[in-house]
Every structure is written in structure tokens, then in C-alpha cells.
């Protein structure tokens, strides 16, 4: 019997999408289908390493975890999931020459060997949020953003888009990405007399910020980036009830709906299903299309993926890479949704 294909999984966070159980289950399904079709001649073996990366942990942990996987002869690495950690891992992918697929929001986390499945985008999200607020007549933005590479990057793109749209940044207030109190920051944001409020970052400080705003009588529109995905925790959703955020699944995506129908009662919730299924298919197709089962061969196999219907995003979003293209999702891959009574509701058609 042929030896299994060894794949590394770099788990860099105690929280955050998607849970490995969903990835592993759907990856096993995808690999089984490829084997049944005669496109793969062997099974896979997942090698997991765990470490708490940024912002709660450290970059050194991510570096150590990556090195551990490199030493275990893996053909490919899946992860990290946090943007700051994906930036740390990108030069490591090139140093070790291991094709790596991160699922974070960092557009800069792409390179010869680092492939990127966008779960959000530090560059695209501020544009979408600014345009959404502009459509609601919002002219003065009050912004709370994480004091981190993620938050600063978001803020840079929000300033540019707001300027183009004729919006004014009435207040831009930084906060620690792991803050659990935002009373002073709420005061500073409201001092700018905004007519719309934006949060940009990893989302740990959003509930205390929303609570502080409500205590001060704020009833205007509030939006946040994909940090709103933390609303799949009911306590978090309750804290940001009424806030609009960016998610990765659309109600009308036929690829996602067909998957969930096929899985029935075993189907993960739609967000988890969409991201995990796209990770699984990119991995499986990269292996199946590889001209040889080497690290270089898998890199070439990933580059050959084209026009694969995505479970993420609006209907018509596709997955694919290229010789110079390391961003997997193409099309309208982010979806405006709102938390209402702990339920996520799509805002746009």
C-alpha cells in the first residue's frame, strides 16, 4: 500500500474560523471522491501542531510551529488562520519551499510558496464598509481600530476610500487588540460627533466598545469587519446586536447549499461549511493536479486550479490560482450581514 500524503496543519489560535474538525471531515470527503475518480492514488495523513500566535501569543510560536511541520516531511501546510500570523509564516514558506495555504485576511501574506484563501481581506473590507455607510447617507465616520498590523492596514484603506467618497474621518482611535475595556475610547470616538461608527480589527474589544456606546445613548449605524464572525458565539452576537459586519457566505450560493443538502444533519453551520469546504477542495485539487508528489509538484498543482465554483461568497464567486496569482477567491467573495437577535441576516441581495 502506498504511503499516505503527509499534510501539515498549523493551528495558531484557540478561536477563529474554521474549526479543524470541519476541515478534516470535508477534506476526507474530498480526498475520497478524488480517489474514487482515480485522480489520487493514496490517502492523506494530517500532522497537527498547536501554538498560540499573535495577538494573544507570539510570532516566535508561529515560527516554531512552522519549523516543526517542515521537519516532518509534509508536502503542504494548511494555516495560519490569523492575519498577523500569516504574515509571519509567509517568508518561512519561501525559506522551506513548502506550498502553504493560509486562510486569513492578509493580502500581503502571499508569495511564491504562500497561497491565500481569503477569509476576509484587510484591503477590501474597509472599501465595502465605507461604501455601505455612504449608501446610508453617513458622512462622518468615528473609527475604533486595533493597534496592530491588521488594524493599521484596515485603517489605511478606510481613509483612502472615505476620502474618495467624500466622507470625513471624524475620529480615529486606536485600541489594544486584546483590550477588554473601551470606555475611554468610546468617549473619544463620540467626541468627533460621527453619524456612523466603524470597528476594524480582530474583534476582542468590540463587545465592550458596543456596550460603552449603548450606555452613552448611541443609536446610529455601527459596522465592523469580519471580526463580526465572532458573533457565532451567542454572547458576542448579543453584544453587537444590530451591527452590520462582513461574512463569507451568502444565502443564495448554490455550491454551499448543495453541500449542506448533501450532508444533511451532519452539515456544519453555513459559515464553517463554506470556508472548510473551499479549503478542502483547494487542497485536494492541488494534490490531484500535481505532476508529481513533491513540494514543487504540489505548488504547480495549486497553480493549475481554475474556475472552481466557491462555496464562499455570492453566487458566481470562483476559486483558482495562477503562476502569479496567489489569491484564491475571485468575485464578490464577501457578504454584508447583520446580527439580529443572535441570528445572522443578509443585508444585500
Protein backbone atom coordinates (compact mmCIF):
# COMPACT_ATOMS: atom_id res chain seq x y z
CA UNK A 1 0.00 0.00 0.00
CA UNK A 2 1.30 3.46 -0.95
CA UNK A 3 2.36 5.72 1.92
CA UNK A 4 -0.17 8.47 2.70
CA UNK A 5 0.40 12.07 1.69
CA UNK A 6 1.52 13.99 4.77
CA UNK A 7 -0.13 17.38 5.19
CA UNK A 8 0.70 19.81 8.00
CA UNK A 9 -1.91 21.87 9.84
CA UNK A 10 -0.68 24.95 11.70
CA UNK A 11 -3.20 25.79 14.41
CA UNK A 12 -2.35 29.31 15.57
CA UNK A 13 -5.38 30.29 17.62
CA UNK A 14 -7.72 28.97 20.28
CA UNK A 15 -10.58 30.69 18.48
CA UNK A 16 -11.34 31.67 14.92
CA UNK A 17 -12.62 30.09 11.75
CA UNK A 18 -12.77 27.39 10.76
CA UNK A 19 -12.59 24.59 13.36
CA UNK A 20 -10.25 21.80 12.33
CA UNK A 21 -12.97 19.20 12.77
CA UNK A 22 -14.85 20.74 9.84
CA UNK A 23 -11.72 20.97 7.68
CA UNK A 24 -10.67 17.42 8.44
CA UNK A 25 -14.11 15.95 7.78
CA UNK A 26 -14.62 17.74 4.47
CA UNK A 27 -11.03 17.13 3.38
CA UNK A 28 -11.51 13.39 3.96
CA UNK A 29 -14.68 13.55 1.87
CA UNK A 30 -12.99 15.45 -0.97
CA UNK A 31 -9.96 13.13 -1.00
CA UNK A 32 -12.27 10.11 -1.01
CA UNK A 33 -14.07 11.47 -4.06
CA UNK A 34 -10.78 12.14 -5.85
CA UNK A 35 -9.56 8.62 -5.11
CA UNK A 36 -12.83 7.12 -6.33
CA UNK A 37 -12.45 9.09 -9.56
CA UNK A 38 -8.89 7.77 -9.99
CA UNK A 39 -7.33 11.22 -9.61
CA UNK A 40 -5.42 10.37 -6.39
CA UNK A 41 -3.76 7.03 -5.69
CA UNK A 42 -3.36 7.32 -1.93
CA UNK A 43 -4.88 8.70 1.24
CA UNK A 44 -3.71 11.65 3.34
CA UNK A 45 -2.32 11.94 6.86
CA UNK A 46 -2.75 15.20 8.79
CA UNK A 47 0.07 16.34 11.08
CA UNK A 48 -1.24 18.93 13.55
CA UNK A 49 0.84 21.40 15.55
CA UNK A 50 -0.64 23.86 18.01
CA UNK A 51 0.59 27.22 19.27
CA UNK A 52 -0.96 30.49 20.32
CA UNK A 53 0.21 33.09 17.84
CA UNK A 54 -0.44 36.82 17.69
CA UNK A 55 -2.07 38.86 19.13
CA UNK A 56 -2.52 36.87 22.35
CA UNK A 57 0.65 34.83 21.91
CA UNK A 58 3.83 35.50 19.93
CA UNK A 59 5.37 35.39 16.47
CA UNK A 60 8.07 33.06 17.82
CA UNK A 61 5.43 30.40 18.49
CA UNK A 62 4.29 30.54 14.86
CA UNK A 63 7.89 30.24 13.66
CA UNK A 64 8.48 27.24 15.93
CA UNK A 65 5.28 25.51 14.80
CA UNK A 66 6.14 26.01 11.14
CA UNK A 67 9.64 24.60 11.64
CA UNK A 68 8.18 21.54 13.40
CA UNK A 69 6.00 20.79 10.40
CA UNK A 70 8.84 21.36 7.95
CA UNK A 71 10.90 18.75 9.78
CA UNK A 72 8.13 16.14 9.47
CA UNK A 73 8.32 15.84 5.68
CA UNK A 74 4.92 17.36 4.93
CA UNK A 75 4.17 18.12 1.29
CA UNK A 76 1.92 21.08 2.12
CA UNK A 77 0.89 23.15 5.15
CA UNK A 78 -2.60 24.47 5.93
CA UNK A 79 -2.74 27.65 8.05
CA UNK A 80 -2.29 30.02 9.79
CA UNK A 81 -5.78 31.49 10.25
CA UNK A 82 -4.88 34.88 11.78
CA UNK A 83 -3.58 37.65 9.54
CA UNK A 84 -0.66 38.68 11.77
CA UNK A 85 0.48 35.05 11.93
CA UNK A 86 0.08 34.56 8.16
CA UNK A 87 2.47 37.48 7.66
CA UNK A 88 4.96 35.76 9.98
CA UNK A 89 4.62 32.45 8.12
CA UNK A 90 4.96 33.85 4.59
CA UNK A 91 8.77 34.18 4.50
CA UNK A 92 9.00 30.77 6.21
CA UNK A 93 7.05 29.15 3.35
CA UNK A 94 9.61 30.51 0.91
CA UNK A 95 12.57 29.61 3.14
CA UNK A 96 11.48 25.99 3.48
CA UNK A 97 9.98 25.88 -0.05
CA UNK A 98 6.74 24.31 1.20
CA UNK A 99 3.45 25.19 -0.54
CA UNK A 100 1.29 26.68 2.22
CA UNK A 101 -2.37 27.69 2.20
CA UNK A 102 -3.34 30.28 4.81
CA UNK A 103 -6.95 31.28 5.44
CA UNK A 104 -6.60 34.77 6.84
CA UNK A 105 -7.34 38.31 5.69
CA UNK A 106 -3.81 39.44 4.84
CA UNK A 107 -3.39 40.17 1.14
CA UNK A 108 0.34 40.62 1.83
CA UNK A 109 0.54 37.01 3.04
CA UNK A 110 1.20 35.75 -0.48
CA UNK A 111 4.47 34.69 -2.08
CA UNK A 112 6.00 32.01 -4.29
CA UNK A 113 5.04 29.30 -1.81
CA UNK A 114 2.34 31.03 0.25
CA UNK A 115 -1.16 30.66 -1.20
CA UNK A 116 -4.07 32.57 0.29
CA UNK A 117 -7.74 31.67 0.74
CA UNK A 118 -9.25 34.99 1.77
CA UNK A 119 -11.34 34.78 4.92
CA UNK A 120 -11.98 38.49 4.77
CA UNK A 121 -9.49 41.00 3.43
CA UNK A 122 -7.69 43.80 5.24
CA UNK A 123 -7.70 45.72 1.97
CA UNK A 124 -11.20 45.03 0.59
CA UNK A 125 -13.29 45.13 3.76
CA UNK A 126 -12.82 48.85 4.52
CA UNK A 127 -13.86 49.69 0.96
CA UNK A 128 -17.08 47.65 1.26
CA UNK A 129 -17.91 49.10 4.68
CA UNK A 130 -17.28 52.71 3.61
CA UNK A 131 -19.46 52.28 0.52
CA UNK A 132 -22.22 50.68 2.57
CA UNK A 133 -22.24 53.59 5.04
CA UNK A 134 -22.14 56.09 2.17
CA UNK A 135 -25.26 54.45 0.72
CA UNK A 136 -26.93 55.11 4.10
CA UNK A 137 -26.01 58.80 3.92
CA UNK A 138 -23.22 58.59 6.52
CA UNK A 139 -20.69 61.41 6.09
CA UNK A 140 -18.75 61.48 9.39
CA UNK A 141 -17.06 58.28 10.50
CA UNK A 142 -15.99 57.50 14.04
CA UNK A 143 -13.47 54.66 13.96
CA UNK A 144 -12.03 52.33 16.58
CA UNK A 145 -9.17 50.22 15.23
CA UNK A 146 -6.73 47.71 16.66
CA UNK A 147 -3.21 48.92 17.36
CA UNK A 148 -1.73 46.07 15.30
CA UNK A 149 -0.62 45.35 11.72
CA UNK A 150 -4.18 44.22 10.97
CA UNK A 151 -5.85 47.31 12.41
CA UNK A 152 -3.39 49.76 10.88
CA UNK A 153 -3.80 48.14 7.46
CA UNK A 154 -7.60 48.34 7.70
CA UNK A 155 -7.37 51.99 8.73
CA UNK A 156 -5.11 52.88 5.81
CA UNK A 157 -7.62 51.57 3.26
CA UNK A 158 -10.61 53.09 5.05
CA UNK A 159 -9.02 56.56 4.97
CA UNK A 160 -8.40 56.28 1.24
CA UNK A 161 -11.89 55.08 0.36
CA UNK A 162 -13.61 57.54 2.69
CA UNK A 163 -11.71 60.37 1.01
CA UNK A 164 -12.85 59.21 -2.42
CA UNK A 165 -16.48 59.02 -1.23
CA UNK A 166 -16.40 62.45 0.39
CA UNK A 167 -16.63 61.06 3.91
CA UNK A 168 -14.70 62.54 6.82
CA UNK A 169 -12.90 60.53 9.49
CA UNK A 170 -14.25 62.46 12.47
CA UNK A 171 -12.28 60.36 14.98
CA UNK A 172 -9.80 57.50 14.58
CA UNK A 173 -8.98 55.92 17.93
CA UNK A 174 -6.53 53.01 18.40
CA UNK A 175 -7.02 50.27 20.98
CA UNK A 176 -5.06 47.23 22.12
CA UNK A 177 -6.20 44.18 20.10
CA UNK A 178 -6.79 42.27 23.36
CA UNK A 179 -8.47 45.10 25.34
CA UNK A 180 -11.47 44.16 27.46
CA UNK A 181 -12.49 47.74 28.27
CA UNK A 182 -13.25 50.50 25.77
CA UNK A 183 -14.90 53.20 27.89
CA UNK A 184 -12.30 55.90 27.23
CA UNK A 185 -12.12 55.01 23.53
CA UNK A 186 -15.92 55.26 23.20
CA UNK A 187 -15.81 58.77 24.65
CA UNK A 188 -13.08 59.78 22.24
CA UNK A 189 -14.93 58.38 19.22
CA UNK A 190 -18.18 60.13 20.18
CA UNK A 191 -16.34 63.41 20.76
CA UNK A 192 -15.89 63.53 16.98
CA UNK A 193 -19.71 63.69 16.55
CA UNK A 194 -19.87 60.88 13.98
CA UNK A 195 -23.05 59.80 12.22
CA UNK A 196 -21.69 56.29 11.67
CA UNK A 197 -19.24 54.14 13.65
CA UNK A 198 -16.73 51.61 12.35
CA UNK A 199 -14.69 48.98 14.20
CA UNK A 200 -11.66 47.45 12.46
CA UNK A 201 -9.59 44.64 13.94
CA UNK A 202 -9.70 41.15 15.41
CA UNK A 203 -12.82 41.88 17.44
CA UNK A 204 -11.84 41.16 21.04
CA UNK A 205 -12.67 44.74 22.06
CA UNK A 206 -15.89 45.10 20.06
CA UNK A 207 -18.35 43.92 22.77
CA UNK A 208 -17.06 46.34 25.44
CA UNK A 209 -16.97 49.10 22.81
CA UNK A 210 -20.56 48.42 21.73
CA UNK A 211 -21.65 48.28 25.37
CA UNK A 212 -19.96 51.60 26.12
CA UNK A 213 -21.58 53.24 23.09
CA UNK A 214 -25.04 51.99 24.09
CA UNK A 215 -24.55 53.29 27.63
CA UNK A 216 -23.85 56.72 26.16
CA UNK A 217 -27.03 56.66 24.08
CA UNK A 218 -25.55 55.88 20.66
CA UNK A 219 -28.27 54.63 18.28
CA UNK A 220 -26.67 55.32 14.90
CA UNK A 221 -25.35 52.73 12.44
CA UNK A 222 -22.42 50.57 13.50
CA UNK A 223 -20.36 48.37 11.20
CA UNK A 224 -17.37 46.11 11.68
CA UNK A 225 -15.13 43.98 9.56
CA UNK A 226 -15.01 40.17 9.61
CA UNK A 227 -14.41 40.42 13.36
CA UNK A 228 -18.20 40.10 13.34
CA UNK A 229 -17.69 36.40 12.62
CA UNK A 230 -17.17 36.05 16.35
CA UNK A 231 -20.92 36.56 16.58
CA UNK A 232 -21.31 32.83 16.05
CA UNK A 233 -20.74 32.84 19.79
CA UNK A 234 -24.23 33.86 21.05
CA UNK A 235 -22.81 36.05 23.82
CA UNK A 236 -20.81 38.00 21.26
CA UNK A 237 -23.78 38.28 18.88
CA UNK A 238 -25.92 39.65 21.71
CA UNK A 239 -23.29 42.29 22.48
CA UNK A 240 -23.24 43.58 18.89
CA UNK A 241 -26.95 43.15 18.11
CA UNK A 242 -27.90 45.40 15.21
CA UNK A 243 -24.33 45.85 13.94
CA UNK A 244 -23.58 45.13 10.28
CA UNK A 245 -20.47 43.08 9.53
CA UNK A 246 -18.77 41.14 6.74
CA UNK A 247 -19.21 37.38 6.46
CA UNK A 248 -18.07 34.78 3.93
CA UNK A 249 -21.35 33.10 2.97
CA UNK A 250 -24.42 34.17 1.02
CA UNK A 251 -27.87 32.66 1.34
CA UNK A 252 -28.11 32.11 -2.42
CA UNK A 253 -24.77 30.34 -3.04
CA UNK A 254 -25.78 27.13 -4.83
CA UNK A 255 -22.44 25.36 -4.20
CA UNK A 256 -22.80 25.89 -0.45
CA UNK A 257 -26.48 24.99 -0.41
CA UNK A 258 -25.85 21.78 -2.39
CA UNK A 259 -23.11 20.79 0.07
CA UNK A 260 -25.31 21.37 3.11
CA UNK A 261 -28.20 19.49 1.49
CA UNK A 262 -25.90 16.56 0.73
CA UNK A 263 -24.56 16.45 4.29
CA UNK A 264 -27.98 16.81 5.88
CA UNK A 265 -28.00 16.83 9.66
CA UNK A 266 -24.20 16.49 9.70
CA UNK A 267 -23.68 19.77 7.83
CA UNK A 268 -21.72 22.43 9.71
CA UNK A 269 -23.30 25.90 10.03
CA UNK A 270 -23.07 27.73 6.68
CA UNK A 271 -20.05 29.91 7.50
CA UNK A 272 -17.97 26.99 8.77
CA UNK A 273 -19.13 24.81 5.88
CA UNK A 274 -18.25 27.35 3.18
CA UNK A 275 -14.72 28.07 4.40
CA UNK A 276 -13.83 24.48 5.31
CA UNK A 277 -15.16 23.12 2.01
CA UNK A 278 -13.17 25.62 -0.04
CA UNK A 279 -10.00 24.80 1.95
CA UNK A 280 -10.64 21.09 1.38
CA UNK A 281 -11.21 21.44 -2.36
CA UNK A 282 -8.19 23.68 -2.92
CA UNK A 283 -6.03 21.19 -1.05
CA UNK A 284 -7.46 18.15 -2.79
CA UNK A 285 -7.29 19.70 -6.25
CA UNK A 286 -3.73 20.90 -5.65
CA UNK A 287 -2.68 17.35 -4.80
CA UNK A 288 -4.65 15.78 -7.65
CA UNK A 289 -3.27 18.18 -10.25
CA UNK A 290 0.34 17.93 -9.06
CA UNK A 291 2.54 16.42 -11.81
CA UNK A 292 4.48 14.66 -9.04
CA UNK A 293 4.01 14.30 -5.30
CA UNK A 294 6.81 16.64 -4.30
CA UNK A 295 6.61 20.07 -2.74
CA UNK A 296 7.40 21.65 -6.10
CA UNK A 297 4.83 19.43 -7.76
CA UNK A 298 2.10 20.44 -5.30
CA UNK A 299 2.93 24.12 -5.82
CA UNK A 300 2.46 23.60 -9.56
CA UNK A 301 -0.76 21.67 -8.92
CA UNK A 302 -2.21 24.57 -6.92
CA UNK A 303 -1.32 26.98 -9.72
CA UNK A 304 -3.38 24.89 -12.13
CA UNK A 305 -6.68 25.29 -10.23
CA UNK A 306 -9.05 27.45 -12.29
CA UNK A 307 -12.71 28.47 -12.14
CA UNK A 308 -13.75 26.14 -9.34
CA UNK A 309 -17.17 27.28 -8.01
CA UNK A 310 -16.68 28.62 -4.49
CA UNK A 311 -18.87 27.81 -1.51
CA UNK A 312 -17.88 31.19 -0.10
CA UNK A 313 -19.21 34.49 -1.30
CA UNK A 314 -22.10 35.43 -3.54
CA UNK A 315 -23.22 33.10 -6.32
CA UNK A 316 -20.66 33.22 -9.14
CA UNK A 317 -17.59 33.54 -6.92
CA UNK A 318 -14.85 31.16 -8.12
CA UNK A 319 -11.65 29.63 -6.73
CA UNK A 320 -8.35 29.47 -8.57
CA UNK A 321 -4.67 30.35 -8.60
CA UNK A 322 -2.05 31.06 -11.25
CA UNK A 323 1.66 31.44 -11.81
CA UNK A 324 1.49 34.99 -10.45
CA UNK A 325 -1.86 34.69 -8.64
CA UNK A 326 -1.92 33.53 -5.02
CA UNK A 327 -5.37 34.85 -4.02
CA UNK A 328 -7.92 32.03 -4.30
CA UNK A 329 -11.28 33.84 -4.33
CA UNK A 330 -12.38 35.85 -7.35
CA UNK A 331 -15.62 37.80 -7.50
CA UNK A 332 -17.90 39.11 -4.74
CA UNK A 333 -16.50 36.88 -2.03
CA UNK A 334 -17.61 38.91 1.00
CA UNK A 335 -21.19 39.38 2.11
CA UNK A 336 -22.73 42.12 4.24
CA UNK A 337 -24.77 40.60 7.05
CA UNK A 338 -26.21 41.87 10.35
CA UNK A 339 -26.65 40.29 13.78
CA UNK A 340 -30.32 40.46 14.78
CA UNK A 341 -31.48 38.63 17.91
CA UNK A 342 -28.36 36.41 17.70
CA UNK A 343 -29.16 35.45 14.08
CA UNK A 344 -27.13 36.48 11.06
CA UNK A 345 -29.26 38.16 8.40
CA UNK A 346 -28.06 39.01 4.90
CA UNK A 347 -28.18 42.76 4.24
CA UNK A 348 -27.75 42.84 0.47
CA UNK A 349 -29.16 40.58 -2.27
